[in-house]
Amino acid sequence: MLAQTADKEKIARTAAANAQARAEVLRRADLGTGWSGGFRKPVLNAPQPCSYRPKQSDLVIVGAAETTWAKPAYEIESEAQVLRTAAMVGRDWRRTVLAPQVLPCLRQAFQKLLGSHGKVLSIGRVAFPRLTSHTRAWRLLAEVKDGTGGTVPFESDFVALAAGRNEVSLTLSASGASRASLRADTLRLARVLAHRMHA
């Protein structure tokens, strides 16, 4: 779910499962005014810049959807995957969310993403309500260059949710003053997604 690997999942998407995934991601109406974006093609089996390689080849993705929304200094992504069985979700959760290798993998991936434009200050798990049968959240704090020779604070919240055959992730990233609503937005939007997973 978090760590994508060379040992790739099998892809056998169906119309019904794709429709289910599309129903579980964020929509424009969830966000209010000022946002642009929408659905984009899900990137499946994309390798992440990290050394952790959990087993994935015994998993089958039957549905997937992704949306990205943005406004100045703020971006929100939601992704949903439907696996063939609930047992597959359980295996994936243990390997790519609960495994102790996941946190250093996330740090490595974020630092590579920021590159020379920023520096990771901290990343760690944060307390979060149990919205689904499996729920976990992390927060990244960093500083990024502002284009004038200085830096601005940057935060990113990541929430992973799983229930039944469904896996949903939510990522919110903001810099500067836009960070003010980040934590409240994370909880509100995670509740929206969790409700759709149970619908």
Protein backbone atom coordinates (compact mmCIF):
# COMPACT_ATOMS: atom_id res chain seq x y z
CA MET A 1 0.00 0.00 0.00
CA LEU A 2 2.81 2.38 0.88
CA ALA A 3 5.93 0.67 -0.37
CA GLN A 4 5.70 -0.35 -4.02
CA THR A 5 8.25 -2.93 -5.08
CA ALA A 6 9.86 -4.86 -7.90
CA ASP A 7 7.83 -7.86 -6.70
CA LYS A 8 4.68 -6.46 -8.30
CA GLU A 9 1.00 -7.06 -7.71
CA LYS A 10 -1.01 -8.69 -10.46
CA ILE A 11 -3.44 -6.37 -12.25
CA ALA A 12 -6.85 -7.76 -13.26
CA ARG A 13 -9.12 -4.73 -13.16
CA THR A 14 -12.87 -5.08 -13.67
CA ALA A 15 -15.46 -2.45 -14.48
CA ALA A 16 -17.32 -3.05 -11.21
CA ALA A 17 -14.21 -2.82 -9.03
CA ASN A 18 -13.00 0.29 -10.87
CA ALA A 19 -16.39 1.91 -10.26
CA GLN A 20 -16.14 1.00 -6.58
CA ALA A 21 -12.69 2.59 -6.34
CA ARG A 22 -13.89 5.74 -8.12
CA ALA A 23 -16.70 6.04 -5.57
CA GLU A 24 -14.19 6.01 -2.70
CA VAL A 25 -11.89 8.90 -3.63
CA LEU A 26 -12.31 12.63 -3.03
CA ARG A 27 -14.59 14.72 -5.20
CA ARG A 28 -14.62 18.44 -5.86
CA ALA A 29 -17.67 18.87 -3.65
CA ASP A 30 -15.72 17.48 -0.68
CA LEU A 31 -13.22 20.34 -0.78
CA GLY A 32 -15.11 23.59 -1.14
CA THR A 33 -14.11 26.44 -3.46
CA GLY A 34 -10.79 27.34 -5.02
CA TRP A 35 -9.57 23.85 -5.92
CA SER A 36 -8.59 22.57 -9.35
CA GLY A 37 -7.92 19.01 -10.42
CA GLY A 38 -9.84 15.76 -10.65
CA PHE A 39 -9.33 12.15 -11.65
CA ARG A 40 -6.05 11.01 -13.11
CA LYS A 41 -4.86 7.64 -14.33
CA PRO A 42 -3.75 5.50 -11.36
CA VAL A 43 -0.08 4.58 -11.41
CA LEU A 44 0.10 0.92 -10.43
CA ASN A 45 3.29 -0.96 -9.57
CA ALA A 46 5.39 2.20 -9.76
CA PRO A 47 8.71 1.68 -7.94
CA GLN A 48 9.40 3.99 -5.02
CA PRO A 49 12.91 5.32 -4.27
CA CYS A 50 13.41 3.16 -1.22
CA SER A 51 15.27 -0.04 -0.43
CA TYR A 52 12.42 -1.98 1.24
CA ARG A 53 11.09 -4.79 -0.99
CA PRO A 54 8.09 -6.59 0.56
CA LYS A 55 6.40 -9.45 -1.25
CA GLN A 56 3.55 -8.26 -3.51
CA SER A 57 3.20 -10.88 -6.25
CA ASP A 58 0.50 -12.79 -4.35
CA LEU A 59 -1.83 -9.75 -4.47
CA VAL A 60 -4.32 -8.94 -7.23
CA ILE A 61 -5.63 -5.41 -7.85
CA VAL A 62 -9.09 -5.51 -9.41
CA GLY A 63 -10.00 -1.83 -9.12
CA ALA A 64 -8.17 1.48 -8.81
CA ALA A 65 -8.84 5.22 -8.88
CA GLU A 66 -6.98 8.40 -7.99
CA THR A 67 -7.76 12.11 -7.70
CA THR A 68 -5.46 15.09 -7.22
CA TRP A 69 -6.60 18.55 -6.14
CA ALA A 70 -4.57 21.72 -5.76
CA LYS A 71 -4.67 25.38 -4.88
CA PRO A 72 -1.75 27.72 -4.11
CA ALA A 73 0.70 26.08 -1.67
CA TYR A 74 -1.70 23.18 -0.96
CA GLU A 75 -2.23 19.80 -2.62
CA ILE A 76 -4.48 16.85 -1.78
CA GLU A 77 -4.31 13.36 -3.26
CA SER A 78 -6.63 10.41 -2.69
CA GLU A 79 -6.11 6.90 -4.00
CA ALA A 80 -8.30 3.81 -3.78
CA GLN A 81 -7.54 0.20 -4.64
CA VAL A 82 -9.79 -2.82 -4.51
CA LEU A 83 -8.06 -6.16 -4.09
CA ARG A 84 -9.50 -9.52 -5.03
CA THR A 85 -9.95 -10.69 -1.42
CA ALA A 86 -9.96 -9.23 2.08
CA ALA A 87 -7.15 -11.64 2.99
CA MET A 88 -4.96 -9.92 0.39
CA VAL A 89 -5.63 -6.57 2.02
CA GLY A 90 -4.57 -8.00 5.38
CA ARG A 91 -1.30 -9.28 3.94
CA ASP A 92 -0.61 -6.01 2.17
CA TRP A 93 -1.31 -4.02 5.35
CA ARG A 94 1.12 -6.08 7.41
CA ARG A 95 3.87 -5.81 4.81
CA THR A 96 3.56 -2.21 3.62
CA VAL A 97 2.02 -0.34 6.55
CA LEU A 98 2.86 -2.16 9.80
CA ALA A 99 6.35 -3.39 8.90
CA PRO A 100 9.14 -1.51 10.76
CA GLN A 101 10.90 -0.83 7.45
CA VAL A 102 8.05 1.43 6.27
CA LEU A 103 8.99 4.56 8.24
CA PRO A 104 12.61 4.79 7.06
CA CYS A 105 11.33 4.00 3.57
CA LEU A 106 8.96 6.97 3.75
CA ARG A 107 11.74 9.26 4.95
CA GLN A 108 13.99 8.13 2.10
CA ALA A 109 11.22 8.57 -0.48
CA PHE A 110 10.24 12.05 0.71
CA GLN A 111 13.83 13.28 0.82
CA LYS A 112 14.39 12.03 -2.71
CA LEU A 113 11.17 13.76 -3.79
CA LEU A 114 12.26 17.07 -2.24
CA GLY A 115 15.79 16.72 -3.61
CA SER A 116 17.83 19.89 -3.42
CA HIS A 117 14.67 21.98 -2.97
CA GLY A 118 14.02 20.92 0.61
CA LYS A 119 15.05 19.00 3.70
CA VAL A 120 13.08 16.50 5.79
CA LEU A 121 13.09 17.59 9.43
CA SER A 122 10.99 14.79 10.92
CA ILE A 123 8.58 12.06 9.94
CA GLY A 124 6.62 9.80 12.26
CA ARG A 125 3.36 8.15 13.13
CA VAL A 126 0.71 10.37 14.73
CA ALA A 127 -2.33 9.52 16.83
CA PHE A 128 -5.45 9.22 14.71
CA PRO A 129 -9.02 7.93 15.26
CA ARG A 130 -9.68 4.37 14.12
CA LEU A 131 -12.03 5.20 11.27
CA THR A 132 -11.89 1.78 9.59
CA SER A 133 -10.79 -1.71 10.64
CA HIS A 134 -7.24 -0.66 9.71
CA THR A 135 -6.18 2.98 10.16
CA ARG A 136 -2.73 4.57 10.43
CA ALA A 137 -1.44 8.11 9.97
CA TRP A 138 1.94 9.80 9.63
CA ARG A 139 3.12 13.41 9.52
CA LEU A 140 6.12 14.84 7.68
CA LEU A 141 7.71 18.14 8.64
CA ALA A 142 10.20 19.71 6.25
CA GLU A 143 11.53 23.01 5.00
CA VAL A 144 11.54 23.94 1.33
CA LYS A 145 13.18 26.74 -0.63
CA ASP A 146 10.88 29.67 -1.38
CA GLY A 147 12.61 30.93 -4.54
CA THR A 148 14.10 34.01 -2.85
CA GLY A 149 16.99 32.30 -1.09
CA GLY A 150 15.02 31.55 2.06
CA THR A 151 12.94 28.59 3.21
CA VAL A 152 9.34 28.05 4.28
CA PRO A 153 7.90 25.31 6.50
CA PHE A 154 6.24 22.39 4.74
CA GLU A 155 3.95 19.72 6.20
CA SER A 156 2.43 16.58 4.76
CA ASP A 157 -0.12 14.27 6.40
CA PHE A 158 -0.60 10.74 5.11
CA VAL A 159 -3.49 8.51 6.19
CA ALA A 160 -3.87 4.84 5.22
CA LEU A 161 -7.28 3.18 5.56
CA ALA A 162 -8.31 -0.40 4.85
CA ALA A 163 -11.55 -2.32 5.24
CA GLY A 164 -12.74 -5.49 3.55
CA ARG A 165 -11.22 -5.59 0.05
CA ASN A 166 -10.60 -1.84 -0.01
CA GLU A 167 -7.46 0.22 0.54
CA VAL A 168 -7.63 4.01 0.51
CA SER A 169 -4.87 6.56 1.08
CA LEU A 170 -5.10 10.30 1.65
CA THR A 171 -2.19 12.74 1.37
CA LEU A 172 -2.38 16.45 2.19
CA SER A 173 0.65 18.70 1.66
CA ALA A 174 0.93 22.41 2.37
CA SER A 175 3.60 25.05 2.83
CA GLY A 176 3.74 28.38 4.60
CA ALA A 177 0.49 29.87 5.85
CA SER A 178 -1.54 27.25 3.97
CA ARG A 179 -0.59 24.75 6.71
CA ALA A 180 -3.05 26.36 9.13
CA SER A 181 -5.99 24.13 8.18
CA LEU A 182 -4.00 21.00 7.31
CA ARG A 183 -4.66 18.93 10.42
CA ALA A 184 -8.37 19.71 10.60
CA ASP A 185 -8.70 19.00 6.87
CA THR A 186 -6.91 15.67 7.26
CA LEU A 187 -9.35 14.42 9.87
CA ARG A 188 -12.43 15.73 8.07
CA LEU A 189 -11.51 14.27 4.70
CA ALA A 190 -10.37 10.95 6.18
CA ARG A 191 -13.81 10.65 7.79
CA VAL A 192 -15.42 11.29 4.38
CA LEU A 193 -13.36 8.53 2.76
CA ALA A 194 -13.93 6.09 5.61
CA HIS A 195 -17.68 6.61 5.31
CA ARG A 196 -17.54 5.81 1.59
CA MET A 197 -15.57 2.65 2.24
CA HIS A 198 -18.35 1.43 4.53
CA ALA A 199 -21.20 2.55 2.24
